[in-house]
Amino acid sequence: MFPTVASTAPYSVVFLTFLLSQFYSTSDALTCYENDDDGKIYEVTNSSWNYCVLIPATSVRPNSGRVFGVGPSADWTEAYDHTFALSDKVYKILTVCVLEKYDFGVLAPKFSGLSSSAEFMFRCVCNYDRCNSATSFSDYLTALKDDNSL
């Protein structure tokens, strides 16, 4: 009996080590929804992401909602980092939404004479798994509230 237990012990240790390594390798990774150009939505896990993003669909472009993950290597996330750090046991920030203006005329002066050299983008970020589950703003806010209700 003892030789059998002793001979299987290394396998169980290896298996346990494998399971723990899988758990810890994914525990720091954020899972966000991403959609492709056809609107199909996928669940994607990436350890370099800190935030899930929603660019909501608009009444002008109802199928234009985008969801994806983002981290500091692809975006300037310091403002989000600071804002979400304000959360505590009593108060929790669930999302940060910003309306941004990009003035491409400054980057490319030959476009500065065009009347629409500036573009605007409204987006929201959240910082827990699958928090960008909706592509419309109203559904997004409802989902965040439901996810965080007692």
C-alpha atoms as a PDB file:
ATOM      1  CA  MET A   1       0.000   0.000   0.000  1.00  0.00           C
ATOM      2  CA  PHE A   2       2.737   2.478   0.871  1.00  0.00           C
ATOM      3  CA  PRO A   3       4.660   2.078  -2.386  1.00  0.00           C
ATOM      4  CA  THR A   4       1.485   2.905  -4.329  1.00  0.00           C
ATOM      5  CA  VAL A   5       0.790   6.031  -2.283  1.00  0.00           C
ATOM      6  CA  ALA A   6       4.423   7.112  -2.474  1.00  0.00           C
ATOM      7  CA  SER A   7       4.540   6.564  -6.214  1.00  0.00           C
ATOM      8  CA  THR A   8       1.407   8.654  -6.828  1.00  0.00           C
ATOM      9  CA  ALA A   9       2.327  11.458  -4.428  1.00  0.00           C
ATOM     10  CA  PRO A  10       4.638  13.226  -6.887  1.00  0.00           C
ATOM     11  CA  TYR A  11       1.872  13.267  -9.508  1.00  0.00           C
ATOM     12  CA  SER A  12      -0.611  14.785  -7.098  1.00  0.00           C
ATOM     13  CA  VAL A  13       1.952  17.396  -6.070  1.00  0.00           C
ATOM     14  CA  VAL A  14       2.617  18.221  -9.724  1.00  0.00           C
ATOM     15  CA  PHE A  15      -1.105  18.393 -10.446  1.00  0.00           C
ATOM     16  CA  LEU A  16      -1.746  20.631  -7.421  1.00  0.00           C
ATOM     17  CA  THR A  17       1.141  22.890  -8.445  1.00  0.00           C
ATOM     18  CA  PHE A  18      -0.292  23.111 -11.959  1.00  0.00           C
ATOM     19  CA  LEU A  19      -3.754  24.022 -10.656  1.00  0.00           C
ATOM     20  CA  LEU A  20      -2.368  26.698  -8.347  1.00  0.00           C
ATOM     21  CA  SER A  21      -0.222  28.184 -11.108  1.00  0.00           C
ATOM     22  CA  GLN A  22      -3.255  28.380 -13.393  1.00  0.00           C
ATOM     23  CA  PHE A  23      -5.291  30.068 -10.685  1.00  0.00           C
ATOM     24  CA  TYR A  24      -2.633  32.642  -9.875  1.00  0.00           C
ATOM     25  CA  SER A  25      -1.775  33.344 -13.509  1.00  0.00           C
ATOM     26  CA  THR A  26      -5.380  34.258 -14.272  1.00  0.00           C
ATOM     27  CA  SER A  27      -6.308  35.874 -10.968  1.00  0.00           C
ATOM     28  CA  ASP A  28      -4.534  39.111 -11.907  1.00  0.00           C
ATOM     29  CA  ALA A  29      -5.924  39.131 -15.435  1.00  0.00           C
ATOM     30  CA  LEU A  30      -9.017  41.176 -16.212  1.00  0.00           C
ATOM     31  CA  THR A  31     -11.801  39.680 -18.323  1.00  0.00           C
ATOM     32  CA  CYS A  32     -13.624  42.159 -20.563  1.00  0.00           C
ATOM     33  CA  TYR A  33     -16.046  41.885 -23.414  1.00  0.00           C
ATOM     34  CA  GLU A  34     -14.796  42.817 -26.883  1.00  0.00           C
ATOM     35  CA  ASN A  35     -16.789  43.150 -30.047  1.00  0.00           C
ATOM     36  CA  ASP A  36     -15.580  42.790 -33.595  1.00  0.00           C
ATOM     37  CA  ASP A  37     -16.548  44.871 -36.621  1.00  0.00           C
ATOM     38  CA  ASP A  38     -19.598  42.658 -37.183  1.00  0.00           C
ATOM     39  CA  GLY A  39     -20.832  43.304 -33.642  1.00  0.00           C
ATOM     40  CA  LYS A  40     -20.147  39.794 -32.357  1.00  0.00           C
ATOM     41  CA  ILE A  41     -19.137  39.940 -28.683  1.00  0.00           C
ATOM     42  CA  TYR A  42     -16.363  37.833 -27.158  1.00  0.00           C
ATOM     43  CA  GLU A  43     -15.049  37.381 -23.631  1.00  0.00           C
ATOM     44  CA  VAL A  44     -11.311  38.120 -23.547  1.00  0.00           C
ATOM     45  CA  THR A  45      -8.927  37.818 -20.595  1.00  0.00           C
ATOM     46  CA  ASN A  46      -5.705  39.829 -20.607  1.00  0.00           C
ATOM     47  CA  SER A  47      -3.236  40.407 -17.767  1.00  0.00           C
ATOM     48  CA  SER A  48      -2.141  43.778 -19.180  1.00  0.00           C
ATOM     49  CA  TRP A  49      -5.624  45.297 -18.896  1.00  0.00           C
ATOM     50  CA  ASN A  50      -6.693  47.385 -15.899  1.00  0.00           C
ATOM     51  CA  TYR A  51     -10.047  48.507 -17.288  1.00  0.00           C
ATOM     52  CA  CYS A  52     -12.945  47.410 -19.436  1.00  0.00           C
ATOM     53  CA  VAL A  53     -14.249  50.100 -21.785  1.00  0.00           C
ATOM     54  CA  LEU A  54     -17.635  50.961 -23.252  1.00  0.00           C
ATOM     55  CA  ILE A  55     -18.066  53.420 -26.100  1.00  0.00           C
ATOM     56  CA  PRO A  56     -21.864  53.464 -26.190  1.00  0.00           C
ATOM     57  CA  ALA A  57     -23.964  53.297 -29.309  1.00  0.00           C
ATOM     58  CA  THR A  58     -25.647  56.572 -30.223  1.00  0.00           C
ATOM     59  CA  SER A  59     -28.989  57.464 -31.756  1.00  0.00           C
ATOM     60  CA  VAL A  60     -27.143  58.603 -34.885  1.00  0.00           C
ATOM     61  CA  ARG A  61     -25.145  55.355 -35.084  1.00  0.00           C
ATOM     62  CA  PRO A  62     -27.200  52.733 -33.196  1.00  0.00           C
ATOM     63  CA  ASN A  63     -24.892  49.829 -34.076  1.00  0.00           C
ATOM     64  CA  SER A  64     -21.703  51.685 -33.210  1.00  0.00           C
ATOM     65  CA  GLY A  65     -21.300  50.583 -29.584  1.00  0.00           C
ATOM     66  CA  ARG A  66     -17.831  49.216 -28.829  1.00  0.00           C
ATOM     67  CA  VAL A  67     -16.570  47.218 -25.864  1.00  0.00           C
ATOM     68  CA  PHE A  68     -12.960  46.244 -25.192  1.00  0.00           C
ATOM     69  CA  GLY A  69     -10.252  46.087 -22.552  1.00  0.00           C
ATOM     70  CA  VAL A  70      -7.434  48.564 -22.056  1.00  0.00           C
ATOM     71  CA  GLY A  71      -4.275  48.955 -20.006  1.00  0.00           C
ATOM     72  CA  PRO A  72      -1.482  51.476 -19.549  1.00  0.00           C
ATOM     73  CA  SER A  73       0.457  50.229 -22.573  1.00  0.00           C
ATOM     74  CA  ALA A  74      -2.418  51.184 -24.913  1.00  0.00           C
ATOM     75  CA  ASP A  75      -3.991  54.177 -23.178  1.00  0.00           C
ATOM     76  CA  TRP A  76      -3.337  56.890 -20.622  1.00  0.00           C
ATOM     77  CA  THR A  77      -4.957  55.296 -17.558  1.00  0.00           C
ATOM     78  CA  GLU A  78      -3.499  57.407 -14.731  1.00  0.00           C
ATOM     79  CA  ALA A  79      -6.660  59.507 -14.324  1.00  0.00           C
ATOM     80  CA  TYR A  80      -8.720  56.331 -13.984  1.00  0.00           C
ATOM     81  CA  ASP A  81      -6.208  54.853 -11.525  1.00  0.00           C
ATOM     82  CA  HIS A  82      -6.480  57.923  -9.310  1.00  0.00           C
ATOM     83  CA  THR A  83     -10.273  58.063  -9.477  1.00  0.00           C
ATOM     84  CA  PHE A  84     -10.890  54.381  -8.713  1.00  0.00           C
ATOM     85  CA  ALA A  85      -8.381  54.585  -5.829  1.00  0.00           C
ATOM     86  CA  LEU A  86     -10.836  56.898  -4.040  1.00  0.00           C
ATOM     87  CA  SER A  87     -13.110  53.908  -3.342  1.00  0.00           C
ATOM     88  CA  ASP A  88     -13.264  52.446   0.157  1.00  0.00           C
ATOM     89  CA  LYS A  89     -15.498  50.128   2.224  1.00  0.00           C
ATOM     90  CA  VAL A  90     -18.389  52.615   2.251  1.00  0.00           C
ATOM     91  CA  TYR A  91     -17.980  54.412  -1.075  1.00  0.00           C
ATOM     92  CA  LYS A  92     -17.221  52.663  -4.368  1.00  0.00           C
ATOM     93  CA  ILE A  93     -16.714  54.221  -7.773  1.00  0.00           C
ATOM     94  CA  LEU A  94     -18.303  51.869 -10.294  1.00  0.00           C
ATOM     95  CA  THR A  95     -17.470  53.636 -13.538  1.00  0.00           C
ATOM     96  CA  VAL A  96     -15.723  56.705 -14.888  1.00  0.00           C
ATOM     97  CA  CYS A  97     -17.209  58.285 -18.010  1.00  0.00           C
ATOM     98  CA  VAL A  98     -15.500  61.024 -19.994  1.00  0.00           C
ATOM     99  CA  LEU A  99     -16.285  63.091 -23.048  1.00  0.00           C
ATOM    100  CA  GLU A 100     -13.022  63.617 -24.892  1.00  0.00           C
ATOM    101  CA  LYS A 101     -12.046  65.989 -27.667  1.00  0.00           C
ATOM    102  CA  TYR A 102      -9.280  65.087 -30.078  1.00  0.00           C
ATOM    103  CA  ASP A 103      -8.040  68.016 -32.160  1.00  0.00           C
ATOM    104  CA  PHE A 104      -6.361  66.326 -35.086  1.00  0.00           C
ATOM    105  CA  GLY A 105      -5.658  69.716 -36.684  1.00  0.00           C
ATOM    106  CA  VAL A 106      -2.958  70.244 -34.044  1.00  0.00           C
ATOM    107  CA  LEU A 107      -1.363  66.908 -34.898  1.00  0.00           C
ATOM    108  CA  ALA A 108      -1.634  67.440 -38.652  1.00  0.00           C
ATOM    109  CA  PRO A 109      -1.734  71.195 -39.430  1.00  0.00           C
ATOM    110  CA  LYS A 110      -2.796  70.578 -43.034  1.00  0.00           C
ATOM    111  CA  PHE A 111      -6.184  69.489 -41.611  1.00  0.00           C
ATOM    112  CA  SER A 112      -6.549  72.499 -39.293  1.00  0.00           C
ATOM    113  CA  GLY A 113      -8.474  74.479 -41.914  1.00  0.00           C
ATOM    114  CA  LEU A 114     -11.182  71.838 -42.092  1.00  0.00           C
ATOM    115  CA  SER A 115     -14.295  72.628 -40.108  1.00  0.00           C
ATOM    116  CA  SER A 116     -14.356  69.193 -38.467  1.00  0.00           C
ATOM    117  CA  SER A 117     -10.717  68.657 -37.496  1.00  0.00           C
ATOM    118  CA  ALA A 118     -11.835  67.921 -33.932  1.00  0.00           C
ATOM    119  CA  GLU A 119     -13.525  64.672 -33.013  1.00  0.00           C
ATOM    120  CA  PHE A 120     -15.380  63.846 -29.827  1.00  0.00           C
ATOM    121  CA  MET A 121     -15.621  60.511 -28.072  1.00  0.00           C
ATOM    122  CA  PHE A 122     -17.678  59.523 -25.036  1.00  0.00           C
ATOM    123  CA  ARG A 123     -16.472  56.464 -23.176  1.00  0.00           C
ATOM    124  CA  CYS A 124     -16.822  54.777 -19.827  1.00  0.00           C
ATOM    125  CA  VAL A 125     -14.359  52.534 -18.010  1.00  0.00           C
ATOM    126  CA  CYS A 126     -14.890  50.073 -15.179  1.00  0.00           C
ATOM    127  CA  ASN A 127     -12.440  47.861 -13.326  1.00  0.00           C
ATOM    128  CA  TYR A 128     -13.852  44.426 -12.575  1.00  0.00           C
ATOM    129  CA  ASP A 129     -14.422  41.317 -14.685  1.00  0.00           C
ATOM    130  CA  ARG A 130     -17.110  41.555 -17.375  1.00  0.00           C
ATOM    131  CA  CYS A 131     -18.261  44.997 -16.233  1.00  0.00           C
ATOM    132  CA  ASN A 132     -18.641  46.235 -19.832  1.00  0.00           C
ATOM    133  CA  SER A 133     -21.424  43.775 -20.605  1.00  0.00           C
ATOM    134  CA  ALA A 134     -23.747  46.168 -22.455  1.00  0.00           C
ATOM    135  CA  THR A 135     -23.226  48.260 -25.579  1.00  0.00           C
ATOM    136  CA  SER A 136     -25.837  50.911 -24.817  1.00  0.00           C
ATOM    137  CA  PHE A 137     -25.285  53.487 -22.087  1.00  0.00           C
ATOM    138  CA  SER A 138     -28.586  52.868 -20.307  1.00  0.00           C
ATOM    139  CA  ASP A 139     -28.079  49.081 -20.235  1.00  0.00           C
ATOM    140  CA  TYR A 140     -24.476  49.596 -19.091  1.00  0.00           C
ATOM    141  CA  LEU A 141     -25.553  51.676 -16.080  1.00  0.00           C
ATOM    142  CA  THR A 142     -28.277  49.171 -15.203  1.00  0.00           C
ATOM    143  CA  ALA A 143     -25.815  46.262 -15.372  1.00  0.00           C
ATOM    144  CA  LEU A 144     -23.292  48.070 -13.155  1.00  0.00           C
ATOM    145  CA  LYS A 145     -25.978  48.774 -10.591  1.00  0.00           C
ATOM    146  CA  ASP A 146     -27.237  45.180 -10.673  1.00  0.00           C
ATOM    147  CA  ASP A 147     -23.694  43.774 -10.377  1.00  0.00           C
ATOM    148  CA  ASN A 148     -23.067  45.838  -7.267  1.00  0.00           C
ATOM    149  CA  SER A 149     -26.414  45.550  -5.472  1.00  0.00           C
ATOM    150  CA  LEU A 150     -26.634  43.575  -2.268  1.00  0.00           C
END
